[in-house]
């Protein structure tokens, strides 16, 4: 499982701890305490926001901005992530290659600055258009 922390990468295996439910997820707005995945590098194109864990991106769709509001599309999230942000200030996000937490993973640290921990390009990690699920871990 790859770990992104500044410019360091390593291997780590951890248990998952779910975040509490929040009704505002899956609305296209990337807000505090959410993991946001983006279709293109530099957080461009379609997006999807998650507060809870999601074992399968198969039934999730990208939101695109139409005017000043996000509008859901028919474009699936599964295997479409090119950049992301973890806005949670108490949990690491673990994105996984396959549904139900299988395959290779990428750990995105939690953020304490209030602006979200951002990975603007997943190509250098060999994980562009790669992810199908995510979980939270090391929550405090």
C-alpha atoms as a PDB file:
ATOM      1  CA  UNK A   1       0.000   0.000   0.000  1.00  0.00           C
ATOM      2  CA  UNK A   2       1.602   3.279  -1.057  1.00  0.00           C
ATOM      3  CA  UNK A   3       1.689   6.230   1.304  1.00  0.00           C
ATOM      4  CA  UNK A   4       1.726   9.840   0.134  1.00  0.00           C
ATOM      5  CA  UNK A   5       3.170  12.216   2.735  1.00  0.00           C
ATOM      6  CA  UNK A   6       4.868  15.261   1.348  1.00  0.00           C
ATOM      7  CA  UNK A   7       7.295  13.798  -1.159  1.00  0.00           C
ATOM      8  CA  UNK A   8       7.842  10.491   0.664  1.00  0.00           C
ATOM      9  CA  UNK A   9       6.356   7.155  -0.328  1.00  0.00           C
ATOM     10  CA  UNK A  10       6.493   3.959   1.707  1.00  0.00           C
ATOM     11  CA  UNK A  11       4.645   0.780   2.523  1.00  0.00           C
ATOM     12  CA  UNK A  12       2.102   0.552   5.291  1.00  0.00           C
ATOM     13  CA  UNK A  13      -0.769  -1.713   6.365  1.00  0.00           C
ATOM     14  CA  UNK A  14      -3.428  -0.383   8.723  1.00  0.00           C
ATOM     15  CA  UNK A  15      -6.946  -1.162   9.898  1.00  0.00           C
ATOM     16  CA  UNK A  16      -9.861   0.944   8.756  1.00  0.00           C
ATOM     17  CA  UNK A  17     -12.045   3.101  10.997  1.00  0.00           C
ATOM     18  CA  UNK A  18     -15.233   4.502   9.451  1.00  0.00           C
ATOM     19  CA  UNK A  19     -16.086   8.179   9.635  1.00  0.00           C
ATOM     20  CA  UNK A  20     -19.521   9.158  10.954  1.00  0.00           C
ATOM     21  CA  UNK A  21     -22.370   9.732   8.493  1.00  0.00           C
ATOM     22  CA  UNK A  22     -22.898  13.170   6.990  1.00  0.00           C
ATOM     23  CA  UNK A  23     -25.889  13.938   4.797  1.00  0.00           C
ATOM     24  CA  UNK A  24     -24.057  16.382   2.480  1.00  0.00           C
ATOM     25  CA  UNK A  25     -21.858  13.818   0.715  1.00  0.00           C
ATOM     26  CA  UNK A  26     -22.518  12.841  -2.921  1.00  0.00           C
ATOM     27  CA  UNK A  27     -23.622  16.368  -3.846  1.00  0.00           C
ATOM     28  CA  UNK A  28     -20.661  17.602  -5.920  1.00  0.00           C
ATOM     29  CA  UNK A  29     -19.433  20.117  -3.320  1.00  0.00           C
ATOM     30  CA  UNK A  30     -16.016  19.375  -1.856  1.00  0.00           C
ATOM     31  CA  UNK A  31     -16.276  20.535   1.733  1.00  0.00           C
ATOM     32  CA  UNK A  32     -14.596  20.050   5.089  1.00  0.00           C
ATOM     33  CA  UNK A  33     -13.989  16.424   6.121  1.00  0.00           C
ATOM     34  CA  UNK A  34     -14.639  14.976   2.671  1.00  0.00           C
ATOM     35  CA  UNK A  35     -12.522  13.025   0.249  1.00  0.00           C
ATOM     36  CA  UNK A  36     -12.932  14.475  -3.237  1.00  0.00           C
ATOM     37  CA  UNK A  37     -11.860  12.660  -6.366  1.00  0.00           C
ATOM     38  CA  UNK A  38     -11.430  14.496  -9.673  1.00  0.00           C
ATOM     39  CA  UNK A  39     -11.551  13.291 -13.257  1.00  0.00           C
ATOM     40  CA  UNK A  40      -8.490  15.263 -14.420  1.00  0.00           C
ATOM     41  CA  UNK A  41      -5.198  16.380 -12.898  1.00  0.00           C
ATOM     42  CA  UNK A  42      -5.061  19.604 -10.869  1.00  0.00           C
ATOM     43  CA  UNK A  43      -8.587  18.958  -9.541  1.00  0.00           C
ATOM     44  CA  UNK A  44     -10.256  19.678 -12.875  1.00  0.00           C
ATOM     45  CA  UNK A  45     -13.157  18.099 -14.753  1.00  0.00           C
ATOM     46  CA  UNK A  46     -15.826  16.063 -13.008  1.00  0.00           C
ATOM     47  CA  UNK A  47     -15.695  15.397  -9.277  1.00  0.00           C
ATOM     48  CA  UNK A  48     -17.317  13.328  -6.564  1.00  0.00           C
ATOM     49  CA  UNK A  49     -17.310  13.973  -2.811  1.00  0.00           C
ATOM     50  CA  UNK A  50     -17.329  11.368  -0.027  1.00  0.00           C
ATOM     51  CA  UNK A  51     -17.700  11.698   3.716  1.00  0.00           C
ATOM     52  CA  UNK A  52     -18.290   8.010   4.477  1.00  0.00           C
ATOM     53  CA  UNK A  53     -16.363   5.018   3.236  1.00  0.00           C
ATOM     54  CA  UNK A  54     -17.445   3.623  -0.118  1.00  0.00           C
ATOM     55  CA  UNK A  55     -16.784  -0.027  -0.980  1.00  0.00           C
ATOM     56  CA  UNK A  56     -17.590   0.409  -4.667  1.00  0.00           C
ATOM     57  CA  UNK A  57     -17.530   3.405  -6.992  1.00  0.00           C
ATOM     58  CA  UNK A  58     -19.600   1.440  -9.544  1.00  0.00           C
ATOM     59  CA  UNK A  59     -22.835   3.328  -8.757  1.00  0.00           C
ATOM     60  CA  UNK A  60     -21.254   6.765  -8.205  1.00  0.00           C
ATOM     61  CA  UNK A  61     -21.252   9.434 -10.909  1.00  0.00           C
ATOM     62  CA  UNK A  62     -19.177  12.532 -11.538  1.00  0.00           C
ATOM     63  CA  UNK A  63     -20.594  16.000 -10.960  1.00  0.00           C
ATOM     64  CA  UNK A  64     -19.820  18.834 -13.370  1.00  0.00           C
ATOM     65  CA  UNK A  65     -20.409  22.503 -12.696  1.00  0.00           C
ATOM     66  CA  UNK A  66     -23.201  24.038 -14.735  1.00  0.00           C
ATOM     67  CA  UNK A  67     -23.184  27.724 -13.954  1.00  0.00           C
ATOM     68  CA  UNK A  68     -22.452  27.958 -10.250  1.00  0.00           C
ATOM     69  CA  UNK A  69     -23.870  24.587  -9.156  1.00  0.00           C
ATOM     70  CA  UNK A  70     -22.721  20.982  -9.554  1.00  0.00           C
ATOM     71  CA  UNK A  71     -24.889  18.760 -11.756  1.00  0.00           C
ATOM     72  CA  UNK A  72     -24.654  14.961 -11.697  1.00  0.00           C
ATOM     73  CA  UNK A  73     -23.704  13.265 -14.958  1.00  0.00           C
ATOM     74  CA  UNK A  74     -23.844   9.775 -16.379  1.00  0.00           C
ATOM     75  CA  UNK A  75     -20.046   9.453 -16.189  1.00  0.00           C
ATOM     76  CA  UNK A  76     -19.046   6.849 -13.570  1.00  0.00           C
ATOM     77  CA  UNK A  77     -16.425   7.569 -10.894  1.00  0.00           C
ATOM     78  CA  UNK A  78     -14.952   4.054 -11.050  1.00  0.00           C
ATOM     79  CA  UNK A  79     -11.420   4.073 -12.527  1.00  0.00           C
ATOM     80  CA  UNK A  80     -11.657   7.807 -13.391  1.00  0.00           C
ATOM     81  CA  UNK A  81      -9.604   9.519 -10.638  1.00  0.00           C
ATOM     82  CA  UNK A  82      -6.631  11.636 -11.780  1.00  0.00           C
ATOM     83  CA  UNK A  83      -6.313  13.951  -8.747  1.00  0.00           C
ATOM     84  CA  UNK A  84      -7.857  14.179  -5.284  1.00  0.00           C
ATOM     85  CA  UNK A  85      -8.041  15.986  -1.970  1.00  0.00           C
ATOM     86  CA  UNK A  86      -8.563  14.777   1.587  1.00  0.00           C
ATOM     87  CA  UNK A  87     -10.248  17.561   3.551  1.00  0.00           C
ATOM     88  CA  UNK A  88     -10.626  15.470   6.701  1.00  0.00           C
ATOM     89  CA  UNK A  89      -8.566  16.729   9.642  1.00  0.00           C
ATOM     90  CA  UNK A  90      -8.682  13.491  11.654  1.00  0.00           C
ATOM     91  CA  UNK A  91      -8.595  10.512   9.241  1.00  0.00           C
ATOM     92  CA  UNK A  92      -6.335   9.269   6.469  1.00  0.00           C
ATOM     93  CA  UNK A  93      -8.086   8.267   3.243  1.00  0.00           C
ATOM     94  CA  UNK A  94      -7.099   4.931   1.723  1.00  0.00           C
ATOM     95  CA  UNK A  95      -8.030   4.626  -1.942  1.00  0.00           C
ATOM     96  CA  UNK A  96      -8.049   1.089  -3.327  1.00  0.00           C
ATOM     97  CA  UNK A  97      -7.595  -0.380  -6.776  1.00  0.00           C
ATOM     98  CA  UNK A  98     -10.617  -2.694  -6.587  1.00  0.00           C
ATOM     99  CA  UNK A  99     -14.066  -2.611  -5.036  1.00  0.00           C
ATOM    100  CA  UNK A 100     -14.429  -3.794  -1.430  1.00  0.00           C
ATOM    101  CA  UNK A 101     -10.923  -2.627  -0.503  1.00  0.00           C
ATOM    102  CA  UNK A 102      -8.995  -5.008  -2.735  1.00  0.00           C
ATOM    103  CA  UNK A 103      -5.812  -4.552  -4.709  1.00  0.00           C
ATOM    104  CA  UNK A 104      -3.168  -1.864  -4.383  1.00  0.00           C
ATOM    105  CA  UNK A 105      -3.845   1.201  -2.265  1.00  0.00           C
ATOM    106  CA  UNK A 106      -2.777   4.787  -1.790  1.00  0.00           C
ATOM    107  CA  UNK A 107      -2.909   6.441   1.644  1.00  0.00           C
ATOM    108  CA  UNK A 108      -3.666  10.160   1.643  1.00  0.00           C
ATOM    109  CA  UNK A 109      -2.763  11.865   4.941  1.00  0.00           C
ATOM    110  CA  UNK A 110      -5.296  13.856   6.940  1.00  0.00           C
ATOM    111  CA  UNK A 111      -5.128  17.607   6.765  1.00  0.00           C
ATOM    112  CA  UNK A 112      -4.663  19.988   9.674  1.00  0.00           C
ATOM    113  CA  UNK A 113      -4.250  23.213   7.667  1.00  0.00           C
ATOM    114  CA  UNK A 114      -7.916  23.532   6.767  1.00  0.00           C
ATOM    115  CA  UNK A 115      -7.298  23.535   3.013  1.00  0.00           C
ATOM    116  CA  UNK A 116      -7.184  19.774   2.394  1.00  0.00           C
ATOM    117  CA  UNK A 117      -4.277  17.469   1.557  1.00  0.00           C
ATOM    118  CA  UNK A 118      -4.046  17.535  -2.237  1.00  0.00           C
ATOM    119  CA  UNK A 119      -2.552  15.176  -4.804  1.00  0.00           C
ATOM    120  CA  UNK A 120      -2.741  17.098  -8.100  1.00  0.00           C
ATOM    121  CA  UNK A 121      -1.527  14.304 -10.364  1.00  0.00           C
ATOM    122  CA  UNK A 122      -1.688  10.534  -9.807  1.00  0.00           C
ATOM    123  CA  UNK A 123       0.400   9.724 -12.917  1.00  0.00           C
ATOM    124  CA  UNK A 124       3.764   9.801 -11.051  1.00  0.00           C
ATOM    125  CA  UNK A 125       2.397   7.144  -8.669  1.00  0.00           C
ATOM    126  CA  UNK A 126       1.268   4.918 -11.561  1.00  0.00           C
ATOM    127  CA  UNK A 127      -2.307   5.224 -10.298  1.00  0.00           C
ATOM    128  CA  UNK A 128      -4.102   7.441 -12.808  1.00  0.00           C
ATOM    129  CA  UNK A 129      -7.681   6.260 -13.493  1.00  0.00           C
ATOM    130  CA  UNK A 130      -7.052   3.445 -11.027  1.00  0.00           C
ATOM    131  CA  UNK A 131      -9.356   3.590  -7.988  1.00  0.00           C
ATOM    132  CA  UNK A 132     -12.614   1.757  -7.273  1.00  0.00           C
ATOM    133  CA  UNK A 133     -13.181   2.202  -3.513  1.00  0.00           C
ATOM    134  CA  UNK A 134     -11.885   3.918  -0.398  1.00  0.00           C
ATOM    135  CA  UNK A 135     -11.846   3.622   3.388  1.00  0.00           C
ATOM    136  CA  UNK A 136     -10.793   5.804   6.327  1.00  0.00           C
ATOM    137  CA  UNK A 137      -8.008   4.788   8.701  1.00  0.00           C
ATOM    138  CA  UNK A 138      -6.073   6.062  11.716  1.00  0.00           C
ATOM    139  CA  UNK A 139      -8.971   8.278  12.798  1.00  0.00           C
ATOM    140  CA  UNK A 140      -8.575  10.095  16.068  1.00  0.00           C
END
